[in-house]
Amino acid sequence: MVGQGELEAFLADQRRHGFTQKYVERLRVDLETFYAWWRASEWPKRKLTPPLLDAYRLWLCDQPGRLEARLAVRPQQAKLGALRVFCRGLCAQEVLATDPAAVIPLPRSRPRMRRTLTEAQMVRLCETPACDTALGLRDRAYLEILVATAMRPSEAAALLRSDADLG
C-alpha cells in the first residue's frame, strides 16, 4: 500500500520545490480524505489502481456539500486534482510504475448562461445618456453600436472614425 510514509515524503518534496505552506496543507487535507475513504472501503489496500480511484471519484459525487445536497464540482475537482498530483509525484519518485490517476476524468461544471437584456431594457439603456452634450451623444452612439452589432466593448472602443461608412 502506498501509505503515510509516501504521503509525507511527497509533501516534503512539494515544500522543497517551493510550493506554499497553504498549498501543501490543502494537498494534505485532500489526500487524507482519500486515505480515510480507502481505509473504510472494501477495496484491497495493496496498490493504487484506476478502478480504485474511479470508485473514489464516484463516492465524492455522492458526498453532501456544505450548502448543497451534494458536494459541488469545484471541491470534487480539487480533491481529485490533489490525487492526480500525488500519483504524478509517486511516478516521478519511481514508487509507481504508471500513473493510475491519468485516466480518471475530472468532473465538469456546466457552462453558465449569460443573462441577456430584453428589447425594452436595451432601448432604455440606449436612451440613458443625455443627448444635449457632446459626451452624451458619444455615449449614446457607443451604446447603440454595441446593441446593433453585438460587438464586444473592447472592439467598439477600438473603432476609429475611418471605420464608419457614413455614406
Foldseek 3Di string as FASTA:
>chain_A
DCDDVLLVVLLVVCVVVPDDPVVSVLLVVLVVVLVVCVVPDPDDPPDDALVSLQVVLVVQQCPQPPPGRHNDQVVSQSSLVSLQSSQVSCCVVVVDVDRRSPPHDRDDDDDDDDDDDDPVVLVVVLPPQDPPDPVSVVVSVLSVCCVVPVDDSVVSVPDDPVVDDPD
